[in-house]
Amino acid sequence: MNNAHLFILCGEAFSGKSTLSKTIAEKYNAKIIGRDSVYFVLNESLALEETPESDDPSLWSDLWPIAIQGVKNQLLLGNSVVFDDTVLFFKQREELRLIAEQCGVKCILIFLDISSKVRKARKEENKITKQRHDVPSAWLENDTKKMERPTEEELAIRYTEKNSIEDLLAEIDLNK
């Protein structure tokens, strides 16, 4: 098994995955991959940010295989990866765990269990700050309905708005 790791961040939109992924990537010298990163590269050419709130939802699912291939490529190169995405479904997490196993790296699942009140407040704040692309409100509601919370068997590290990043990093170190 090589020294690389796959960190899977799992949580709904505006739960803080992207902010946390930057901290983890910095500490563990990891590459950040997810549908957002693919989306931003495509946005330059396709003007995706100019699309209306009722954007085609298939676009998001179509980006999944591209992001997954990037994870596999980086792990095979010996790089650690932070997978920054919603990863709402068990089957998605399983797909990522299988890639980690095939690449001979340890996989750490981090579940950002952030309340809907906090996520909605962050979405509203983002309308002003525009620190990230917006997510249609219907997508937020849909994520909440669809979310398959990690099971005990998945051994996820649970992160809430009450946790500090330092505590989370200490827990990650214990699981490495």
N, C-alpha and C. Protein backbone atom coordinates (compact mmCIF):
# COMPACT_ATOMS: atom_id res chain seq x y z
N MET A 1 0.86 -1.19 0.00
CA MET A 1 0.00 0.00 0.00
C MET A 1 0.89 1.24 0.00
N ASN A 2 0.61 2.19 -0.90
CA ASN A 2 1.46 3.38 -0.91
C ASN A 2 0.98 4.38 0.15
N ASN A 3 1.70 5.48 0.28
CA ASN A 3 1.41 6.44 1.34
C ASN A 3 0.29 7.41 1.02
N ALA A 4 -0.23 7.36 -0.19
CA ALA A 4 -1.32 8.26 -0.58
C ALA A 4 -2.61 7.87 0.15
N HIS A 5 -3.51 8.84 0.23
CA HIS A 5 -4.82 8.62 0.85
C HIS A 5 -5.91 9.20 -0.04
N LEU A 6 -7.08 8.63 0.06
CA LEU A 6 -8.27 9.22 -0.57
C LEU A 6 -9.17 9.69 0.56
N PHE A 7 -9.35 10.99 0.64
CA PHE A 7 -10.26 11.59 1.61
C PHE A 7 -11.57 11.88 0.87
N ILE A 8 -12.65 11.26 1.30
CA ILE A 8 -13.95 11.50 0.68
C ILE A 8 -14.75 12.41 1.58
N LEU A 9 -15.08 13.60 1.07
CA LEU A 9 -15.94 14.51 1.83
C LEU A 9 -17.37 14.30 1.36
N CYS A 10 -18.23 14.01 2.29
CA CYS A 10 -19.61 13.67 1.99
C CYS A 10 -20.53 14.64 2.75
N GLY A 11 -21.39 15.34 2.03
CA GLY A 11 -22.31 16.25 2.68
C GLY A 11 -23.09 17.05 1.66
N GLU A 12 -24.14 17.65 2.12
CA GLU A 12 -25.01 18.41 1.22
C GLU A 12 -24.36 19.74 0.82
N ALA A 13 -24.93 20.37 -0.19
CA ALA A 13 -24.43 21.66 -0.66
C ALA A 13 -24.42 22.67 0.50
N PHE A 14 -23.39 23.49 0.52
CA PHE A 14 -23.17 24.52 1.53
C PHE A 14 -22.92 23.95 2.94
N SER A 15 -22.42 22.71 2.99
CA SER A 15 -22.07 22.15 4.29
C SER A 15 -20.63 22.48 4.67
N GLY A 16 -19.86 23.05 3.75
CA GLY A 16 -18.49 23.43 4.05
C GLY A 16 -17.44 22.50 3.48
N LYS A 17 -17.84 21.64 2.55
CA LYS A 17 -16.90 20.67 1.99
C LYS A 17 -15.72 21.34 1.29
N SER A 18 -15.98 22.34 0.49
CA SER A 18 -14.90 22.99 -0.26
C SER A 18 -13.92 23.70 0.66
N THR A 19 -14.43 24.35 1.67
CA THR A 19 -13.56 25.02 2.65
C THR A 19 -12.70 23.99 3.37
N LEU A 20 -13.33 22.92 3.81
CA LEU A 20 -12.61 21.87 4.53
C LEU A 20 -11.63 21.15 3.61
N SER A 21 -12.02 20.95 2.35
CA SER A 21 -11.13 20.23 1.43
C SER A 21 -9.82 21.00 1.24
N LYS A 22 -9.88 22.32 1.21
CA LYS A 22 -8.66 23.12 1.06
C LYS A 22 -7.72 22.93 2.26
N THR A 23 -8.30 22.87 3.45
CA THR A 23 -7.50 22.67 4.66
C THR A 23 -6.85 21.28 4.65
N ILE A 24 -7.63 20.28 4.31
CA ILE A 24 -7.12 18.90 4.28
C ILE A 24 -6.05 18.77 3.19
N ALA A 25 -6.32 19.33 2.01
CA ALA A 25 -5.36 19.24 0.90
C ALA A 25 -4.04 19.90 1.27
N GLU A 26 -4.12 21.02 1.94
CA GLU A 26 -2.91 21.73 2.35
C GLU A 26 -2.10 20.90 3.37
N LYS A 27 -2.80 20.38 4.36
CA LYS A 27 -2.11 19.63 5.42
C LYS A 27 -1.50 18.33 4.91
N TYR A 28 -2.20 17.64 4.01
CA TYR A 28 -1.76 16.32 3.57
C TYR A 28 -1.21 16.33 2.13
N ASN A 29 -0.95 17.53 1.59
CA ASN A 29 -0.40 17.66 0.24
C ASN A 29 -1.21 16.84 -0.77
N ALA A 30 -2.50 17.08 -0.78
CA ALA A 30 -3.41 16.31 -1.64
C ALA A 30 -4.00 17.19 -2.75
N LYS A 31 -4.40 16.53 -3.81
CA LYS A 31 -5.09 17.18 -4.92
C LYS A 31 -6.59 17.22 -4.59
N ILE A 32 -7.26 18.29 -4.96
CA ILE A 32 -8.71 18.39 -4.75
C ILE A 32 -9.40 18.08 -6.07
N ILE A 33 -10.30 17.10 -6.02
CA ILE A 33 -11.06 16.71 -7.20
C ILE A 33 -12.53 16.58 -6.81
N GLY A 34 -13.40 16.95 -7.72
CA GLY A 34 -14.84 16.82 -7.54
C GLY A 34 -15.53 17.41 -8.74
N ARG A 35 -16.82 17.28 -8.77
CA ARG A 35 -17.55 17.82 -9.91
C ARG A 35 -17.42 19.33 -9.99
N ASP A 36 -17.28 20.02 -8.86
CA ASP A 36 -17.09 21.47 -8.90
C ASP A 36 -15.85 21.83 -9.70
N SER A 37 -14.74 21.12 -9.47
CA SER A 37 -13.50 21.45 -10.18
C SER A 37 -13.67 21.23 -11.68
N VAL A 38 -14.36 20.17 -12.07
CA VAL A 38 -14.62 19.92 -13.49
C VAL A 38 -15.55 21.00 -14.03
N TYR A 39 -16.56 21.34 -13.27
CA TYR A 39 -17.55 22.36 -13.65
C TYR A 39 -16.87 23.70 -13.94
N PHE A 40 -15.94 24.11 -13.05
CA PHE A 40 -15.29 25.41 -13.23
C PHE A 40 -14.40 25.44 -14.46
N VAL A 41 -13.76 24.34 -14.78
CA VAL A 41 -12.97 24.29 -16.00
C VAL A 41 -13.90 24.42 -17.22
N LEU A 42 -15.02 23.71 -17.19
CA LEU A 42 -15.97 23.79 -18.30
C LEU A 42 -16.65 25.15 -18.38
N ASN A 43 -16.86 25.79 -17.26
CA ASN A 43 -17.55 27.08 -17.22
C ASN A 43 -16.85 28.12 -18.09
N GLU A 44 -15.52 28.08 -18.10
CA GLU A 44 -14.79 29.05 -18.91
C GLU A 44 -15.19 28.98 -20.38
N SER A 45 -15.42 27.79 -20.89
CA SER A 45 -15.77 27.63 -22.30
C SER A 45 -17.27 27.65 -22.56
N LEU A 46 -18.04 27.13 -21.62
CA LEU A 46 -19.47 26.92 -21.88
C LEU A 46 -20.41 27.91 -21.20
N ALA A 47 -19.88 28.86 -20.44
CA ALA A 47 -20.69 29.88 -19.76
C ALA A 47 -21.79 29.24 -18.90
N LEU A 48 -21.42 28.23 -18.15
CA LEU A 48 -22.40 27.51 -17.32
C LEU A 48 -22.99 28.40 -16.23
N GLU A 49 -22.22 29.37 -15.75
CA GLU A 49 -22.71 30.27 -14.69
C GLU A 49 -23.80 31.20 -15.19
N GLU A 50 -23.95 31.30 -16.49
CA GLU A 50 -24.99 32.17 -17.06
C GLU A 50 -26.33 31.44 -17.20
N THR A 51 -26.35 30.16 -16.84
CA THR A 51 -27.58 29.38 -16.99
C THR A 51 -28.59 29.76 -15.91
N PRO A 52 -29.86 29.57 -16.19
CA PRO A 52 -30.90 29.93 -15.21
C PRO A 52 -30.96 28.95 -14.04
N GLU A 53 -31.70 29.34 -13.03
CA GLU A 53 -31.88 28.52 -11.82
C GLU A 53 -32.41 27.13 -12.17
N SER A 54 -33.09 26.99 -13.29
CA SER A 54 -33.67 25.70 -13.68
C SER A 54 -32.73 24.92 -14.60
N ASP A 55 -31.43 25.03 -14.38
CA ASP A 55 -30.42 24.36 -15.18
C ASP A 55 -30.71 22.87 -15.29
N ASP A 56 -30.25 22.27 -16.37
CA ASP A 56 -30.45 20.84 -16.62
C ASP A 56 -29.75 20.01 -15.55
N PRO A 57 -30.49 19.29 -14.72
CA PRO A 57 -29.86 18.51 -13.64
C PRO A 57 -28.96 17.39 -14.15
N SER A 58 -29.14 16.94 -15.38
CA SER A 58 -28.28 15.86 -15.89
C SER A 58 -26.84 16.32 -16.05
N LEU A 59 -26.63 17.63 -16.19
CA LEU A 59 -25.27 18.15 -16.31
C LEU A 59 -24.43 17.69 -15.13
N TRP A 60 -24.97 17.82 -13.93
CA TRP A 60 -24.23 17.48 -12.72
C TRP A 60 -23.87 15.99 -12.68
N SER A 61 -24.82 15.13 -13.02
CA SER A 61 -24.54 13.69 -13.00
C SER A 61 -23.56 13.31 -14.11
N ASP A 62 -23.59 14.05 -15.23
CA ASP A 62 -22.67 13.75 -16.33
C ASP A 62 -21.22 14.06 -15.97
N LEU A 63 -21.00 14.91 -14.97
CA LEU A 63 -19.65 15.27 -14.56
C LEU A 63 -19.02 14.20 -13.64
N TRP A 64 -19.85 13.34 -13.06
CA TRP A 64 -19.36 12.32 -12.11
C TRP A 64 -18.25 11.44 -12.70
N PRO A 65 -18.45 10.80 -13.87
CA PRO A 65 -17.41 9.90 -14.37
C PRO A 65 -16.09 10.62 -14.68
N ILE A 66 -16.17 11.88 -15.05
CA ILE A 66 -14.95 12.65 -15.33
C ILE A 66 -14.18 12.85 -14.02
N ALA A 67 -14.90 13.25 -12.98
CA ALA A 67 -14.26 13.47 -11.67
C ALA A 67 -13.68 12.16 -11.13
N ILE A 68 -14.40 11.08 -11.27
CA ILE A 68 -13.94 9.76 -10.78
C ILE A 68 -12.66 9.34 -11.49
N GLN A 69 -12.61 9.59 -12.80
CA GLN A 69 -11.40 9.24 -13.55
C GLN A 69 -10.22 10.06 -13.04
N GLY A 70 -10.46 11.33 -12.71
CA GLY A 70 -9.40 12.16 -12.15
C GLY A 70 -8.88 11.63 -10.83
N VAL A 71 -9.78 11.13 -9.98
CA VAL A 71 -9.38 10.53 -8.70
C VAL A 71 -8.46 9.35 -8.97
N LYS A 72 -8.89 8.48 -9.83
CA LYS A 72 -8.10 7.28 -10.13
C LYS A 72 -6.73 7.66 -10.70
N ASN A 73 -6.70 8.60 -11.63
CA ASN A 73 -5.44 9.02 -12.24
C ASN A 73 -4.47 9.55 -11.18
N GLN A 74 -4.97 10.43 -10.31
CA GLN A 74 -4.10 11.02 -9.29
C GLN A 74 -3.60 9.98 -8.30
N LEU A 75 -4.46 9.06 -7.89
CA LEU A 75 -4.03 8.01 -6.96
C LEU A 75 -2.99 7.10 -7.59
N LEU A 76 -3.19 6.77 -8.87
CA LEU A 76 -2.22 5.92 -9.57
C LEU A 76 -0.86 6.62 -9.72
N LEU A 77 -0.88 7.95 -9.75
CA LEU A 77 0.37 8.72 -9.80
C LEU A 77 1.02 8.83 -8.42
N GLY A 78 0.32 8.30 -7.38
CA GLY A 78 0.87 8.34 -6.02
C GLY A 78 0.49 9.57 -5.23
N ASN A 79 -0.46 10.35 -5.75
CA ASN A 79 -0.90 11.56 -5.06
C ASN A 79 -2.10 11.27 -4.17
N SER A 80 -2.14 11.90 -3.01
CA SER A 80 -3.34 11.85 -2.18
C SER A 80 -4.40 12.74 -2.83
N VAL A 81 -5.66 12.39 -2.60
CA VAL A 81 -6.77 13.13 -3.19
C VAL A 81 -7.82 13.43 -2.13
N VAL A 82 -8.33 14.65 -2.18
CA VAL A 82 -9.52 15.01 -1.41
C VAL A 82 -10.65 15.06 -2.43
N PHE A 83 -11.62 14.18 -2.28
CA PHE A 83 -12.77 14.19 -3.19
C PHE A 83 -13.83 15.08 -2.56
N ASP A 84 -13.96 16.27 -3.14
CA ASP A 84 -14.84 17.31 -2.65
C ASP A 84 -16.13 17.29 -3.47
N ASP A 85 -17.12 16.59 -2.96
CA ASP A 85 -18.39 16.45 -3.67
C ASP A 85 -19.46 16.07 -2.67
N THR A 86 -20.71 16.10 -3.10
CA THR A 86 -21.78 15.76 -2.17
C THR A 86 -21.75 14.29 -1.77
N VAL A 87 -21.46 13.40 -2.71
CA VAL A 87 -21.41 11.95 -2.49
C VAL A 87 -22.62 11.53 -1.64
N LEU A 88 -23.79 11.85 -2.16
CA LEU A 88 -25.03 11.62 -1.43
C LEU A 88 -25.38 10.15 -1.26
N PHE A 89 -24.89 9.34 -2.17
CA PHE A 89 -25.35 7.95 -2.22
C PHE A 89 -24.28 6.96 -1.78
N PHE A 90 -24.73 5.91 -1.12
CA PHE A 90 -23.84 4.83 -0.68
C PHE A 90 -23.06 4.27 -1.87
N LYS A 91 -23.74 4.05 -3.01
CA LYS A 91 -23.08 3.44 -4.17
C LYS A 91 -21.94 4.32 -4.68
N GLN A 92 -22.06 5.65 -4.55
CA GLN A 92 -20.98 6.54 -4.95
C GLN A 92 -19.77 6.37 -4.02
N ARG A 93 -20.06 6.30 -2.74
CA ARG A 93 -18.97 6.11 -1.77
C ARG A 93 -18.30 4.76 -1.98
N GLU A 94 -19.08 3.75 -2.28
CA GLU A 94 -18.53 2.42 -2.56
C GLU A 94 -17.63 2.45 -3.80
N GLU A 95 -18.06 3.17 -4.83
CA GLU A 95 -17.26 3.29 -6.05
C GLU A 95 -15.90 3.92 -5.73
N LEU A 96 -15.91 4.95 -4.91
CA LEU A 96 -14.66 5.61 -4.52
C LEU A 96 -13.80 4.70 -3.65
N ARG A 97 -14.41 3.97 -2.72
CA ARG A 97 -13.65 3.05 -1.87
C ARG A 97 -13.00 1.95 -2.71
N LEU A 98 -13.70 1.47 -3.72
CA LEU A 98 -13.17 0.43 -4.61
C LEU A 98 -11.96 0.97 -5.38
N ILE A 99 -12.04 2.21 -5.86
CA ILE A 99 -10.91 2.81 -6.56
C ILE A 99 -9.71 2.91 -5.62
N ALA A 100 -9.95 3.35 -4.38
CA ALA A 100 -8.86 3.44 -3.41
C ALA A 100 -8.22 2.07 -3.20
N GLU A 101 -9.05 1.05 -3.05
CA GLU A 101 -8.54 -0.31 -2.85
C GLU A 101 -7.72 -0.76 -4.06
N GLN A 102 -8.23 -0.52 -5.26
CA GLN A 102 -7.53 -0.91 -6.49
C GLN A 102 -6.19 -0.19 -6.62
N CYS A 103 -6.13 1.04 -6.12
CA CYS A 103 -4.90 1.84 -6.20
C CYS A 103 -3.99 1.62 -5.00
N GLY A 104 -4.43 0.81 -4.04
CA GLY A 104 -3.62 0.49 -2.87
C GLY A 104 -3.44 1.64 -1.90
N VAL A 105 -4.50 2.45 -1.76
CA VAL A 105 -4.42 3.58 -0.82
C VAL A 105 -5.51 3.47 0.23
N LYS A 106 -5.27 4.10 1.35
CA LYS A 106 -6.25 4.13 2.43
C LYS A 106 -7.31 5.18 2.11
N CYS A 107 -8.54 4.87 2.47
CA CYS A 107 -9.68 5.74 2.20
C CYS A 107 -10.25 6.22 3.54
N ILE A 108 -10.47 7.53 3.65
CA ILE A 108 -11.05 8.11 4.86
C ILE A 108 -12.29 8.89 4.46
N LEU A 109 -13.44 8.49 5.00
CA LEU A 109 -14.71 9.16 4.72
C LEU A 109 -15.00 10.16 5.81
N ILE A 110 -15.30 11.40 5.39
CA ILE A 110 -15.65 12.46 6.32
C ILE A 110 -17.05 12.94 5.97
N PHE A 111 -17.96 12.80 6.92
CA PHE A 111 -19.35 13.20 6.71
C PHE A 111 -19.59 14.55 7.36
N LEU A 112 -19.89 15.55 6.55
CA LEU A 112 -20.20 16.88 7.05
C LEU A 112 -21.70 16.92 7.35
N ASP A 113 -22.02 16.75 8.59
CA ASP A 113 -23.40 16.67 9.05
C ASP A 113 -23.82 18.05 9.58
N ILE A 114 -24.11 18.94 8.64
CA ILE A 114 -24.39 20.34 8.96
C ILE A 114 -25.90 20.58 8.83
N SER A 115 -26.46 21.29 9.78
CA SER A 115 -27.91 21.52 9.82
C SER A 115 -28.39 22.30 8.60
N SER A 116 -29.64 22.08 8.22
CA SER A 116 -30.21 22.80 7.08
C SER A 116 -30.27 24.30 7.35
N LYS A 117 -30.45 24.68 8.60
CA LYS A 117 -30.48 26.11 8.95
C LYS A 117 -29.14 26.77 8.62
N VAL A 118 -28.05 26.13 8.98
CA VAL A 118 -26.71 26.67 8.70
C VAL A 118 -26.46 26.68 7.19
N ARG A 119 -26.82 25.60 6.50
CA ARG A 119 -26.60 25.53 5.05
C ARG A 119 -27.39 26.60 4.31
N LYS A 120 -28.62 26.83 4.71
CA LYS A 120 -29.44 27.87 4.07
C LYS A 120 -28.86 29.25 4.33
N ALA A 121 -28.36 29.49 5.53
CA ALA A 121 -27.74 30.78 5.86
C ALA A 121 -26.49 30.99 4.99
N ARG A 122 -25.71 29.94 4.79
CA ARG A 122 -24.51 30.03 3.95
C ARG A 122 -24.89 30.32 2.51
N LYS A 123 -25.96 29.70 2.04
CA LYS A 123 -26.44 29.95 0.67
C LYS A 123 -26.83 31.41 0.51
N GLU A 124 -27.55 31.95 1.49
CA GLU A 124 -27.96 33.37 1.43
C GLU A 124 -26.75 34.29 1.47
N GLU A 125 -25.78 33.97 2.32
CA GLU A 125 -24.56 34.78 2.42
C GLU A 125 -23.80 34.75 1.10
N ASN A 126 -23.80 33.59 0.44
CA ASN A 126 -23.10 33.44 -0.82
C ASN A 126 -23.71 34.31 -1.92
N LYS A 127 -24.98 34.61 -1.83
CA LYS A 127 -25.60 35.51 -2.82
C LYS A 127 -24.93 36.88 -2.79
N ILE A 128 -24.42 37.26 -1.63
CA ILE A 128 -23.75 38.55 -1.47
C ILE A 128 -22.26 38.43 -1.78
N THR A 129 -21.61 37.42 -1.18
CA THR A 129 -20.15 37.28 -1.32
C THR A 129 -19.73 36.65 -2.65
N LYS A 130 -20.59 35.81 -3.19
CA LYS A 130 -20.30 35.07 -4.43
C LYS A 130 -18.95 34.35 -4.38
N GLN A 131 -18.68 33.76 -3.22
CA GLN A 131 -17.43 33.01 -3.05
C GLN A 131 -17.44 31.70 -3.81
N ARG A 132 -18.60 31.21 -4.13
CA ARG A 132 -18.71 29.98 -4.91
C ARG A 132 -19.91 30.10 -5.82
N HIS A 133 -20.04 29.15 -6.74
CA HIS A 133 -21.21 29.22 -7.62
C HIS A 133 -22.45 28.89 -6.81
N ASP A 134 -23.56 29.42 -7.24
CA ASP A 134 -24.79 29.18 -6.51
C ASP A 134 -25.32 27.79 -6.85
N VAL A 135 -26.14 27.28 -5.99
CA VAL A 135 -26.81 26.01 -6.21
C VAL A 135 -28.30 26.30 -6.17
N PRO A 136 -29.04 25.90 -7.19
CA PRO A 136 -30.48 26.16 -7.17
C PRO A 136 -31.13 25.63 -5.90
N SER A 137 -32.07 26.40 -5.36
CA SER A 137 -32.75 26.01 -4.12
C SER A 137 -33.39 24.64 -4.23
N ALA A 138 -33.92 24.33 -5.40
CA ALA A 138 -34.55 23.02 -5.61
C ALA A 138 -33.52 21.90 -5.43
N TRP A 139 -32.26 22.16 -5.80
CA TRP A 139 -31.22 21.15 -5.63
C TRP A 139 -30.95 20.90 -4.16
N LEU A 140 -30.96 21.96 -3.36
CA LEU A 140 -30.74 21.81 -1.91
C LEU A 140 -31.81 20.91 -1.31
N GLU A 141 -33.06 21.19 -1.66
CA GLU A 141 -34.17 20.39 -1.14
C GLU A 141 -34.07 18.95 -1.62
N ASN A 142 -33.69 18.78 -2.87
CA ASN A 142 -33.56 17.45 -3.44
C ASN A 142 -32.43 16.67 -2.76
N ASP A 143 -31.30 17.35 -2.48
CA ASP A 143 -30.20 16.70 -1.77
C ASP A 143 -30.66 16.17 -0.42
N THR A 144 -31.42 16.98 0.30
CA THR A 144 -31.88 16.59 1.63
C THR A 144 -32.78 15.35 1.55
N LYS A 145 -33.62 15.30 0.55
CA LYS A 145 -34.51 14.14 0.38
C LYS A 145 -33.73 12.88 -0.02
N LYS A 146 -32.72 13.04 -0.84
CA LYS A 146 -31.99 11.90 -1.40
C LYS A 146 -30.84 11.39 -0.53
N MET A 147 -30.33 12.24 0.33
CA MET A 147 -29.11 11.93 1.09
C MET A 147 -29.20 10.59 1.81
N GLU A 148 -28.25 9.73 1.50
CA GLU A 148 -28.11 8.46 2.22
C GLU A 148 -26.97 8.66 3.20
N ARG A 149 -27.33 8.93 4.43
CA ARG A 149 -26.33 9.20 5.46
C ARG A 149 -25.43 7.98 5.63
N PRO A 150 -24.14 8.21 5.83
CA PRO A 150 -23.23 7.07 6.02
C PRO A 150 -23.68 6.18 7.18
N THR A 151 -23.54 4.90 6.97
CA THR A 151 -23.89 3.92 7.99
C THR A 151 -22.71 3.75 8.96
N GLU A 152 -22.97 3.10 10.08
CA GLU A 152 -21.89 2.82 11.06
C GLU A 152 -20.78 2.00 10.42
N GLU A 153 -21.15 1.08 9.53
CA GLU A 153 -20.18 0.21 8.88
C GLU A 153 -19.23 1.00 7.98
N GLU A 154 -19.63 2.19 7.54
CA GLU A 154 -18.77 2.98 6.67
C GLU A 154 -17.66 3.70 7.44
N LEU A 155 -17.76 3.69 8.77
CA LEU A 155 -16.73 4.26 9.63
C LEU A 155 -16.39 5.71 9.28
N ALA A 156 -17.40 6.50 9.00
CA ALA A 156 -17.19 7.91 8.65
C ALA A 156 -16.79 8.72 9.87
N ILE A 157 -15.93 9.68 9.65
CA ILE A 157 -15.64 10.68 10.66
C ILE A 157 -16.74 11.73 10.51
N ARG A 158 -17.47 11.98 11.57
CA ARG A 158 -18.59 12.92 11.51
C ARG A 158 -18.13 14.30 11.94
N TYR A 159 -18.46 15.29 11.10
CA TYR A 159 -18.07 16.68 11.37
C TYR A 159 -19.33 17.53 11.37
N THR A 160 -19.55 18.28 12.45
CA THR A 160 -20.72 19.15 12.55
C THR A 160 -20.26 20.59 12.72
N GLU A 161 -21.20 21.51 12.70
CA GLU A 161 -20.85 22.92 12.89
C GLU A 161 -20.30 23.20 14.29
N LYS A 162 -20.47 22.23 15.20
CA LYS A 162 -19.96 22.39 16.57
C LYS A 162 -18.50 21.94 16.70
N ASN A 163 -17.99 21.21 15.71
CA ASN A 163 -16.60 20.73 15.75
C ASN A 163 -15.65 21.81 15.26
N SER A 164 -14.42 21.75 15.75
CA SER A 164 -13.39 22.63 15.20
C SER A 164 -12.63 21.86 14.12
N ILE A 165 -12.04 22.59 13.21
CA ILE A 165 -11.24 21.96 12.16
C ILE A 165 -10.05 21.24 12.79
N GLU A 166 -9.49 21.81 13.84
CA GLU A 166 -8.35 21.19 14.51
C GLU A 166 -8.72 19.81 15.07
N ASP A 167 -9.93 19.71 15.66
CA ASP A 167 -10.38 18.42 16.19
C ASP A 167 -10.55 17.41 15.05
N LEU A 168 -11.09 17.87 13.93
CA LEU A 168 -11.27 16.99 12.79
C LEU A 168 -9.91 16.50 12.27
N LEU A 169 -8.97 17.40 12.13
CA LEU A 169 -7.64 17.01 11.64
C LEU A 169 -6.98 16.02 12.59
N ALA A 170 -7.17 16.19 13.88
CA ALA A 170 -6.62 15.25 14.86
C ALA A 170 -7.26 13.87 14.68
N GLU A 171 -8.56 13.85 14.42
CA GLU A 171 -9.25 12.57 14.20
C GLU A 171 -8.79 11.91 12.90
N ILE A 172 -8.56 12.72 11.88
CA ILE A 172 -8.03 12.17 10.61
C ILE A 172 -6.67 11.54 10.87
N ASP A 173 -5.81 12.23 11.62
CA ASP A 173 -4.49 11.68 11.93
C ASP A 173 -4.58 10.33 12.64
N LEU A 174 -5.57 10.18 13.51
CA LEU A 174 -5.77 8.90 14.19
C LEU A 174 -6.18 7.79 13.23
N ASN A 175 -6.92 8.17 12.18
CA ASN A 175 -7.41 7.19 11.22
C ASN A 175 -6.43 6.89 10.08
N LYS A 176 -5.37 7.67 9.99
CA LYS A 176 -4.39 7.44 8.92
C LYS A 176 -3.60 6.21 9.27
